N, C-alpha and C. Protein backbone atom coordinates (compact mmCIF):
# COMPACT_ATOMS: atom_id res chain seq x y z
N UNK A 1 164.85 230.71 97.96
CA UNK A 1 163.45 230.99 98.30
C UNK A 1 162.93 230.02 99.36
N UNK A 2 162.04 230.49 100.19
CA UNK A 2 161.47 229.65 101.24
C UNK A 2 160.42 228.72 100.65
N UNK A 3 160.36 227.53 101.19
CA UNK A 3 159.32 226.59 100.76
C UNK A 3 157.99 227.06 101.34
N UNK A 4 156.89 226.88 100.61
CA UNK A 4 155.59 227.28 101.16
C UNK A 4 155.23 226.41 102.35
N UNK A 5 154.44 226.93 103.29
CA UNK A 5 154.04 226.10 104.42
C UNK A 5 153.26 224.88 103.94
N UNK A 6 153.39 223.83 104.68
CA UNK A 6 152.70 222.59 104.32
C UNK A 6 151.19 222.80 104.35
N UNK A 7 150.48 222.38 103.32
CA UNK A 7 149.02 222.56 103.35
C UNK A 7 148.39 221.72 104.45
N UNK A 8 147.32 222.26 105.02
CA UNK A 8 146.64 221.51 106.09
C UNK A 8 146.02 220.24 105.54
N UNK A 9 145.86 220.17 104.23
CA UNK A 9 145.29 218.97 103.62
C UNK A 9 146.29 217.84 103.49
N UNK A 10 147.56 218.12 103.83
CA UNK A 10 148.59 217.08 103.73
C UNK A 10 148.35 215.99 104.78
N UNK A 11 148.84 214.80 104.50
CA UNK A 11 148.66 213.69 105.44
C UNK A 11 149.44 213.93 106.73
N UNK A 12 148.88 213.46 107.83
CA UNK A 12 149.53 213.60 109.14
C UNK A 12 150.82 212.79 109.18
N UNK A 13 151.81 213.33 109.88
CA UNK A 13 153.08 212.64 110.05
C UNK A 13 153.43 212.56 111.53
N UNK A 14 154.48 211.80 111.84
CA UNK A 14 154.86 211.48 113.22
C UNK A 14 154.79 212.58 114.25
N UNK A 15 155.54 213.68 114.06
CA UNK A 15 155.56 214.73 115.07
C UNK A 15 154.20 215.41 115.20
N UNK A 16 153.45 215.43 114.11
CA UNK A 16 152.11 216.02 114.15
C UNK A 16 151.18 215.19 115.02
N UNK A 17 151.38 213.86 115.02
CA UNK A 17 150.54 213.00 115.86
C UNK A 17 150.69 213.41 117.33
N UNK A 18 151.92 213.66 117.76
CA UNK A 18 152.13 214.06 119.15
C UNK A 18 151.54 215.43 119.42
N UNK A 19 151.60 216.32 118.44
CA UNK A 19 150.99 217.64 118.61
C UNK A 19 149.49 217.51 118.83
N UNK A 20 148.84 216.61 118.09
CA UNK A 20 147.40 216.37 118.25
C UNK A 20 147.13 215.78 119.64
N UNK A 21 147.92 214.78 120.03
CA UNK A 21 147.75 214.15 121.35
C UNK A 21 147.86 215.19 122.46
N UNK A 22 148.80 216.12 122.30
CA UNK A 22 149.04 217.12 123.35
C UNK A 22 147.88 218.10 123.53
N UNK A 23 147.10 218.37 122.48
CA UNK A 23 146.05 219.38 122.62
C UNK A 23 144.67 218.82 122.97
N UNK A 24 144.43 217.54 122.69
CA UNK A 24 143.10 216.97 122.96
C UNK A 24 143.05 216.52 124.42
N UNK A 25 142.06 216.99 125.18
CA UNK A 25 141.95 216.56 126.59
C UNK A 25 141.80 215.04 126.68
N UNK A 26 142.54 214.43 127.60
CA UNK A 26 142.53 212.97 127.75
C UNK A 26 141.11 212.44 127.95
N UNK A 27 140.33 213.15 128.77
CA UNK A 27 138.97 212.66 129.08
C UNK A 27 138.05 212.69 127.86
N UNK A 28 138.45 213.39 126.78
CA UNK A 28 137.62 213.46 125.58
C UNK A 28 138.25 212.71 124.40
N UNK A 29 139.32 211.97 124.70
CA UNK A 29 140.08 211.33 123.62
C UNK A 29 139.23 210.35 122.81
N UNK A 30 138.50 209.45 123.50
CA UNK A 30 137.71 208.45 122.76
C UNK A 30 136.62 209.13 121.93
N UNK A 31 136.02 210.16 122.47
CA UNK A 31 135.02 210.92 121.72
C UNK A 31 135.67 211.50 120.46
N UNK A 32 136.89 212.02 120.61
CA UNK A 32 137.63 212.58 119.48
C UNK A 32 137.87 211.51 118.41
N UNK A 33 138.29 210.32 118.86
CA UNK A 33 138.55 209.25 117.88
C UNK A 33 137.26 208.82 117.19
N UNK A 34 136.13 208.82 117.91
CA UNK A 34 134.85 208.49 117.28
C UNK A 34 134.48 209.55 116.25
N UNK A 35 134.77 210.82 116.56
CA UNK A 35 134.51 211.91 115.60
C UNK A 35 135.31 211.70 114.32
N UNK A 36 136.51 211.15 114.49
CA UNK A 36 137.36 210.88 113.33
C UNK A 36 136.96 209.57 112.64
N UNK A 37 135.94 208.92 113.20
CA UNK A 37 135.36 207.70 112.64
C UNK A 37 136.27 206.48 112.73
N UNK A 38 137.09 206.43 113.81
CA UNK A 38 137.80 205.18 114.09
C UNK A 38 136.76 204.24 114.70
N UNK A 39 136.73 203.01 114.22
CA UNK A 39 135.71 202.07 114.69
C UNK A 39 135.84 201.78 116.19
N UNK A 40 134.70 201.61 116.84
CA UNK A 40 134.66 201.34 118.28
C UNK A 40 135.49 200.10 118.62
N UNK A 41 135.39 199.07 117.79
CA UNK A 41 136.14 197.83 118.02
C UNK A 41 137.65 198.11 118.01
N UNK A 42 138.07 198.99 117.15
CA UNK A 42 139.49 199.36 117.04
C UNK A 42 139.94 200.09 118.32
N UNK A 43 139.10 201.00 118.80
CA UNK A 43 139.39 201.75 120.02
C UNK A 43 139.54 200.78 121.20
N UNK A 44 138.60 199.85 121.32
CA UNK A 44 138.64 198.89 122.42
C UNK A 44 139.85 197.96 122.32
N UNK A 45 140.20 197.56 121.11
CA UNK A 45 141.35 196.69 120.90
C UNK A 45 142.63 197.38 121.36
N UNK A 46 142.78 198.63 121.01
CA UNK A 46 143.97 199.39 121.43
C UNK A 46 144.01 199.49 122.95
N UNK A 47 142.86 199.74 123.58
CA UNK A 47 142.82 199.85 125.04
C UNK A 47 143.26 198.54 125.71
N UNK A 48 142.92 197.41 125.09
CA UNK A 48 143.32 196.11 125.64
C UNK A 48 144.79 195.82 125.40
N UNK A 49 145.29 196.19 124.23
CA UNK A 49 146.65 195.83 123.82
C UNK A 49 147.72 196.74 124.40
N UNK A 50 147.38 198.01 124.64
CA UNK A 50 148.39 199.00 125.02
C UNK A 50 148.11 199.52 126.43
N UNK A 51 149.13 199.52 127.27
CA UNK A 51 148.94 199.86 128.68
C UNK A 51 148.83 201.35 128.95
N UNK A 52 149.79 202.12 128.50
CA UNK A 52 149.86 203.54 128.85
C UNK A 52 148.95 204.38 127.96
N UNK A 53 148.29 205.36 128.58
CA UNK A 53 147.29 206.17 127.87
C UNK A 53 147.90 206.90 126.68
N UNK A 54 149.09 207.49 126.86
CA UNK A 54 149.70 208.23 125.75
C UNK A 54 150.02 207.29 124.59
N UNK A 55 150.47 206.09 124.91
CA UNK A 55 150.74 205.10 123.86
C UNK A 55 149.44 204.67 123.17
N UNK A 56 148.36 204.57 123.95
CA UNK A 56 147.04 204.25 123.37
C UNK A 56 146.63 205.34 122.39
N UNK A 57 146.80 206.60 122.81
CA UNK A 57 146.40 207.72 121.96
C UNK A 57 147.19 207.67 120.64
N UNK A 58 148.50 207.45 120.74
CA UNK A 58 149.33 207.40 119.55
C UNK A 58 148.89 206.26 118.64
N UNK A 59 148.65 205.09 119.24
CA UNK A 59 148.27 203.91 118.46
C UNK A 59 146.92 204.13 117.76
N UNK A 60 145.96 204.72 118.47
CA UNK A 60 144.65 204.99 117.85
C UNK A 60 144.79 205.94 116.67
N UNK A 61 145.56 207.00 116.87
CA UNK A 61 145.77 207.96 115.78
C UNK A 61 146.46 207.30 114.61
N UNK A 62 147.46 206.48 114.92
CA UNK A 62 148.21 205.79 113.87
C UNK A 62 147.28 204.88 113.05
N UNK A 63 146.43 204.14 113.75
CA UNK A 63 145.50 203.25 113.04
C UNK A 63 144.51 204.05 112.20
N UNK A 64 144.04 205.18 112.74
CA UNK A 64 143.14 206.03 111.97
C UNK A 64 143.84 206.51 110.71
N UNK A 65 145.11 206.91 110.85
CA UNK A 65 145.89 207.39 109.69
C UNK A 65 146.04 206.29 108.63
N UNK A 66 146.19 205.05 109.07
CA UNK A 66 146.37 203.94 108.13
C UNK A 66 145.07 203.59 107.39
N UNK A 67 143.93 203.90 108.01
CA UNK A 67 142.64 203.51 107.43
C UNK A 67 142.04 204.58 106.52
N UNK A 68 142.47 205.82 106.70
CA UNK A 68 141.86 206.91 105.93
C UNK A 68 142.94 207.82 105.39
N UNK A 69 142.54 208.76 104.58
CA UNK A 69 143.50 209.80 104.17
C UNK A 69 143.44 210.86 105.27
N UNK A 70 144.18 210.61 106.34
CA UNK A 70 144.15 211.42 107.56
C UNK A 70 144.85 212.75 107.34
N UNK A 71 144.11 213.83 107.45
CA UNK A 71 144.69 215.15 107.28
C UNK A 71 144.40 216.03 108.49
N UNK A 72 145.15 217.10 108.60
CA UNK A 72 144.90 218.06 109.67
C UNK A 72 143.51 218.67 109.54
N UNK A 73 143.02 218.80 108.31
CA UNK A 73 141.66 219.33 108.13
C UNK A 73 140.64 218.47 108.86
N UNK A 74 140.81 217.13 108.79
CA UNK A 74 139.90 216.23 109.50
C UNK A 74 139.99 216.46 111.00
N UNK A 75 141.22 216.62 111.50
CA UNK A 75 141.45 216.83 112.92
C UNK A 75 140.79 218.13 113.38
N UNK A 76 141.03 219.22 112.63
CA UNK A 76 140.43 220.51 113.00
C UNK A 76 138.91 220.44 112.96
N UNK A 77 138.36 219.78 111.95
CA UNK A 77 136.90 219.66 111.84
C UNK A 77 136.34 218.89 113.03
N UNK A 78 137.00 217.81 113.43
CA UNK A 78 136.54 217.02 114.58
C UNK A 78 136.58 217.87 115.85
N UNK A 79 137.67 218.61 116.06
CA UNK A 79 137.79 219.45 117.25
C UNK A 79 136.70 220.51 117.29
N UNK A 80 136.40 221.08 116.13
CA UNK A 80 135.36 222.11 116.10
C UNK A 80 133.97 221.52 116.34
N UNK A 81 133.71 220.31 115.83
CA UNK A 81 132.42 219.64 116.10
C UNK A 81 132.27 219.34 117.59
N UNK A 82 133.40 219.09 118.26
CA UNK A 82 133.37 218.81 119.70
C UNK A 82 133.37 220.09 120.53
N UNK A 83 133.32 221.23 119.85
CA UNK A 83 133.37 222.54 120.51
C UNK A 83 134.67 222.73 121.28
N UNK A 84 135.77 222.28 120.67
CA UNK A 84 137.10 222.44 121.24
C UNK A 84 137.93 223.38 120.35
N UNK A 85 137.33 224.52 120.02
CA UNK A 85 138.01 225.48 119.14
C UNK A 85 139.33 225.95 119.76
N UNK A 86 139.37 226.07 121.08
CA UNK A 86 140.60 226.47 121.76
C UNK A 86 141.71 225.45 121.53
N UNK A 87 141.35 224.18 121.54
CA UNK A 87 142.33 223.13 121.27
C UNK A 87 142.79 223.19 119.81
N UNK A 88 141.85 223.46 118.92
CA UNK A 88 142.20 223.58 117.50
C UNK A 88 143.19 224.73 117.31
N UNK A 89 142.95 225.84 118.00
CA UNK A 89 143.84 227.00 117.89
C UNK A 89 145.21 226.67 118.47
N UNK A 90 145.24 225.97 119.61
CA UNK A 90 146.51 225.57 120.22
C UNK A 90 147.29 224.67 119.27
N UNK A 91 146.59 223.78 118.57
CA UNK A 91 147.24 222.89 117.62
C UNK A 91 147.81 223.68 116.45
N UNK A 92 147.03 224.62 115.93
CA UNK A 92 147.54 225.46 114.82
C UNK A 92 148.84 226.15 115.22
N UNK A 93 148.88 226.65 116.45
CA UNK A 93 150.07 227.39 116.91
C UNK A 93 151.26 226.47 117.20
N UNK A 94 150.98 225.21 117.52
CA UNK A 94 152.07 224.30 117.88
C UNK A 94 152.73 223.65 116.66
N UNK A 95 152.04 223.68 115.53
CA UNK A 95 152.60 223.04 114.34
C UNK A 95 153.62 223.93 113.67
N UNK A 96 154.75 223.35 113.29
CA UNK A 96 155.75 224.15 112.60
C UNK A 96 155.25 224.60 111.24
N UNK A 97 155.63 225.81 110.86
CA UNK A 97 155.23 226.34 109.56
C UNK A 97 156.44 226.23 108.64
N UNK A 98 156.21 225.69 107.45
CA UNK A 98 157.30 225.60 106.48
C UNK A 98 158.19 224.39 106.73
N UNK A 99 159.37 224.37 106.15
CA UNK A 99 160.25 223.19 106.22
C UNK A 99 160.83 222.96 107.60
């Protein structure tokens, strides 16, 4: 029997972090992290410590995941609050279903 698809309420994992990074427009990234309630000081610290933008995005997401019970539901809710429903849909389609 096939395993059921992973619930969206499950915690974010490595490959999912890159899927999120790929769909959120770079120019709206900090706004996205604020929507997810990553502290401003944390965002600024990552910007100082990490040179490349993609690495910054990964590090911010990783820190957010460590501080909260980070789920895809939170990500989708943040994207919808930012009126990025198209990005949310792209993310849904990019995530693997099942095992």
